Amino acid sequence: MTILFVLVPLGLVLCLLAVGAFFWAVNAGQFEDLDAAAVSPLEDDRQDALEDGLAPDSGGPFPAPSAPGGPPSG
């Protein structure tokens, strides 16, 4: 029973730390642009290919789409 005198305050402190970390992240702008991080690796590859002179349909790192009903390409 005396362990509750340790666990309850410890749980409350950890909960307050988690809530404080969440509000810090919101105020620091961590949740402003969630899609840019997921798209940026794709844009980097496309930009590098275009700088190297490889168009998406020239057989470079981007395979040409297959015709409907035809065999898959690449």
N, C-alpha and C. Protein backbone atom coordinates (compact mmCIF):
# COMPACT_ATOMS: atom_id res chain seq x y z
N MET A 1 0.81 -1.20 0.00
CA MET A 1 0.00 0.00 0.00
C MET A 1 0.86 1.27 0.00
N THR A 2 2.01 1.21 0.66
CA THR A 2 2.87 2.40 0.71
C THR A 2 3.52 2.69 -0.63
N ILE A 3 3.56 1.69 -1.53
CA ILE A 3 4.15 1.92 -2.84
C ILE A 3 3.33 2.92 -3.64
N LEU A 4 2.03 3.04 -3.30
CA LEU A 4 1.18 4.01 -3.98
C LEU A 4 1.63 5.44 -3.71
N PHE A 5 2.25 5.67 -2.56
CA PHE A 5 2.74 7.01 -2.25
C PHE A 5 3.93 7.39 -3.13
N VAL A 6 4.53 6.41 -3.76
CA VAL A 6 5.64 6.67 -4.69
C VAL A 6 5.13 6.65 -6.14
N LEU A 7 4.30 5.68 -6.47
CA LEU A 7 3.88 5.50 -7.85
C LEU A 7 2.91 6.58 -8.34
N VAL A 8 2.00 7.02 -7.50
CA VAL A 8 1.04 8.04 -7.93
C VAL A 8 1.74 9.37 -8.23
N PRO A 9 2.58 9.90 -7.35
CA PRO A 9 3.28 11.13 -7.70
C PRO A 9 4.23 10.95 -8.89
N LEU A 10 4.86 9.79 -8.99
CA LEU A 10 5.74 9.53 -10.13
C LEU A 10 4.95 9.52 -11.44
N GLY A 11 3.78 8.92 -11.42
CA GLY A 11 2.93 8.91 -12.60
C GLY A 11 2.46 10.31 -12.98
N LEU A 12 2.11 11.11 -11.97
CA LEU A 12 1.68 12.48 -12.25
C LEU A 12 2.81 13.31 -12.82
N VAL A 13 4.01 13.14 -12.30
CA VAL A 13 5.17 13.88 -12.82
C VAL A 13 5.46 13.48 -14.26
N LEU A 14 5.42 12.19 -14.55
CA LEU A 14 5.66 11.74 -15.93
C LEU A 14 4.57 12.25 -16.88
N CYS A 15 3.35 12.27 -16.42
CA CYS A 15 2.25 12.79 -17.24
C CYS A 15 2.45 14.28 -17.51
N LEU A 16 2.83 15.04 -16.51
CA LEU A 16 3.07 16.47 -16.70
C LEU A 16 4.26 16.70 -17.64
N LEU A 17 5.29 15.88 -17.54
CA LEU A 17 6.41 16.00 -18.47
C LEU A 17 5.99 15.72 -19.91
N ALA A 18 5.16 14.71 -20.11
CA ALA A 18 4.69 14.38 -21.45
C ALA A 18 3.82 15.51 -22.02
N VAL A 19 2.93 16.06 -21.20
CA VAL A 19 2.08 17.16 -21.66
C VAL A 19 2.94 18.39 -21.95
N GLY A 20 3.91 18.66 -21.11
CA GLY A 20 4.82 19.78 -21.34
C GLY A 20 5.63 19.61 -22.62
N ALA A 21 6.11 18.39 -22.89
CA ALA A 21 6.85 18.14 -24.13
C ALA A 21 5.96 18.31 -25.34
N PHE A 22 4.70 17.89 -25.24
CA PHE A 22 3.77 18.07 -26.35
C PHE A 22 3.54 19.54 -26.65
N PHE A 23 3.27 20.34 -25.62
CA PHE A 23 3.03 21.76 -25.84
C PHE A 23 4.29 22.46 -26.32
N TRP A 24 5.46 22.05 -25.86
CA TRP A 24 6.71 22.61 -26.38
C TRP A 24 6.85 22.33 -27.87
N ALA A 25 6.53 21.10 -28.29
CA ALA A 25 6.64 20.73 -29.70
C ALA A 25 5.66 21.52 -30.56
N VAL A 26 4.45 21.74 -30.05
CA VAL A 26 3.47 22.53 -30.80
C VAL A 26 3.95 23.96 -30.94
N ASN A 27 4.45 24.55 -29.86
CA ASN A 27 4.92 25.94 -29.91
C ASN A 27 6.19 26.08 -30.73
N ALA A 28 7.00 25.03 -30.83
CA ALA A 28 8.24 25.10 -31.61
C ALA A 28 7.99 24.86 -33.09
N GLY A 29 6.76 24.54 -33.49
CA GLY A 29 6.44 24.36 -34.89
C GLY A 29 6.73 22.97 -35.43
N GLN A 30 6.80 21.98 -34.57
CA GLN A 30 7.10 20.63 -35.02
C GLN A 30 5.97 20.01 -35.84
N PHE A 31 4.75 20.50 -35.69
CA PHE A 31 3.61 19.91 -36.38
C PHE A 31 3.07 20.82 -37.48
N GLU A 32 3.86 21.79 -37.94
CA GLU A 32 3.37 22.75 -38.93
C GLU A 32 3.21 22.12 -40.31
N ASP A 33 4.25 21.46 -40.83
CA ASP A 33 4.21 20.93 -42.19
C ASP A 33 4.56 19.45 -42.14
N LEU A 34 3.55 18.61 -42.00
CA LEU A 34 3.77 17.17 -41.85
C LEU A 34 4.04 16.47 -43.18
N ASP A 35 3.63 17.05 -44.30
CA ASP A 35 3.77 16.39 -45.59
C ASP A 35 5.13 16.65 -46.25
N ALA A 36 5.80 17.72 -45.91
CA ALA A 36 7.06 18.06 -46.58
C ALA A 36 8.14 17.01 -46.31
N ALA A 37 8.20 16.47 -45.12
CA ALA A 37 9.23 15.48 -44.81
C ALA A 37 9.00 14.19 -45.58
N ALA A 38 7.76 13.84 -45.86
CA ALA A 38 7.46 12.61 -46.60
C ALA A 38 7.71 12.76 -48.09
N VAL A 39 7.60 13.96 -48.61
CA VAL A 39 7.74 14.18 -50.04
C VAL A 39 9.16 14.57 -50.42
N SER A 40 9.93 15.12 -49.52
CA SER A 40 11.25 15.65 -49.87
C SER A 40 12.21 14.60 -50.43
N PRO A 41 12.24 13.36 -49.96
CA PRO A 41 13.15 12.40 -50.61
C PRO A 41 12.77 12.14 -52.07
N LEU A 42 11.50 12.15 -52.39
CA LEU A 42 11.07 11.94 -53.76
C LEU A 42 11.44 13.11 -54.64
N GLU A 43 11.30 14.32 -54.14
CA GLU A 43 11.64 15.50 -54.91
C GLU A 43 13.15 15.58 -55.13
N ASP A 44 13.95 15.16 -54.16
CA ASP A 44 15.40 15.20 -54.32
C ASP A 44 15.83 14.31 -55.47
N ASP A 45 15.27 13.10 -55.55
CA ASP A 45 15.65 12.19 -56.63
C ASP A 45 15.25 12.75 -57.98
N ARG A 46 14.06 13.30 -58.07
CA ARG A 46 13.59 13.85 -59.33
C ARG A 46 14.46 15.04 -59.73
N GLN A 47 14.81 15.89 -58.80
CA GLN A 47 15.62 17.06 -59.09
C GLN A 47 17.01 16.63 -59.54
N ASP A 48 17.60 15.62 -58.90
CA ASP A 48 18.92 15.12 -59.30
C ASP A 48 18.87 14.55 -60.71
N ALA A 49 17.81 13.83 -61.05
CA ALA A 49 17.68 13.24 -62.38
C ALA A 49 17.54 14.33 -63.43
N LEU A 50 16.79 15.36 -63.13
CA LEU A 50 16.62 16.44 -64.09
C LEU A 50 17.92 17.21 -64.27
N GLU A 51 18.70 17.37 -63.21
CA GLU A 51 19.99 18.05 -63.33
C GLU A 51 20.98 17.23 -64.15
N ASP A 52 20.86 15.89 -64.10
CA ASP A 52 21.74 15.03 -64.87
C ASP A 52 21.30 14.90 -66.32
N GLY A 53 20.18 15.51 -66.68
CA GLY A 53 19.69 15.46 -68.04
C GLY A 53 18.82 14.26 -68.34
N LEU A 54 18.39 13.55 -67.33
CA LEU A 54 17.53 12.39 -67.52
C LEU A 54 16.08 12.80 -67.32
N ALA A 55 15.31 12.72 -68.37
CA ALA A 55 13.89 13.01 -68.25
C ALA A 55 13.20 11.79 -67.68
N PRO A 56 12.06 11.95 -67.05
CA PRO A 56 11.37 10.78 -66.47
C PRO A 56 11.03 9.71 -67.50
N ASP A 57 10.90 10.02 -68.79
CA ASP A 57 10.55 9.01 -69.78
C ASP A 57 11.74 8.56 -70.62
N SER A 58 12.97 8.90 -70.24
CA SER A 58 14.14 8.55 -71.05
C SER A 58 14.80 7.26 -70.60
N GLY A 59 14.17 6.50 -69.75
CA GLY A 59 14.77 5.26 -69.29
C GLY A 59 15.74 5.46 -68.14
N GLY A 60 15.69 6.62 -67.53
CA GLY A 60 16.58 6.91 -66.41
C GLY A 60 16.07 6.25 -65.15
N PRO A 61 16.18 6.90 -64.04
CA PRO A 61 15.75 6.28 -62.79
C PRO A 61 14.23 6.16 -62.67
N PHE A 62 13.48 6.79 -63.59
CA PHE A 62 12.03 6.71 -63.54
C PHE A 62 11.55 5.91 -64.73
N PRO A 63 11.09 4.67 -64.56
CA PRO A 63 10.64 3.86 -65.71
C PRO A 63 9.38 4.44 -66.33
N ALA A 64 9.27 4.28 -67.63
CA ALA A 64 8.09 4.74 -68.35
C ALA A 64 6.89 3.91 -67.94
N PRO A 65 5.72 4.51 -67.87
CA PRO A 65 4.54 3.73 -67.49
C PRO A 65 4.18 2.74 -68.61
N SER A 66 3.66 1.60 -68.22
CA SER A 66 3.28 0.59 -69.20
C SER A 66 1.92 0.94 -69.79
N ALA A 67 1.69 0.43 -70.99
CA ALA A 67 0.42 0.66 -71.67
C ALA A 67 -0.68 -0.12 -70.95
N PRO A 68 -1.90 0.40 -70.98
CA PRO A 68 -3.01 -0.34 -70.35
C PRO A 68 -3.19 -1.70 -71.01
N GLY A 69 -3.25 -2.74 -70.25
CA GLY A 69 -3.44 -4.07 -70.75
C GLY A 69 -2.15 -4.74 -71.21
N GLY A 70 -1.06 -4.01 -71.26
CA GLY A 70 0.21 -4.56 -71.71
C GLY A 70 1.01 -5.10 -70.55
N PRO A 71 2.19 -5.66 -70.88
CA PRO A 71 3.04 -6.17 -69.80
C PRO A 71 3.62 -5.04 -68.97
N PRO A 72 3.86 -5.27 -67.72
CA PRO A 72 4.42 -4.20 -66.87
C PRO A 72 5.84 -3.87 -67.31
N SER A 73 6.19 -2.59 -67.18
CA SER A 73 7.53 -2.16 -67.56
C SER A 73 8.43 -2.13 -66.33
N GLY A 74 9.72 -2.25 -66.57
CA GLY A 74 10.73 -2.09 -65.54
C GLY A 74 10.74 -3.15 -64.54
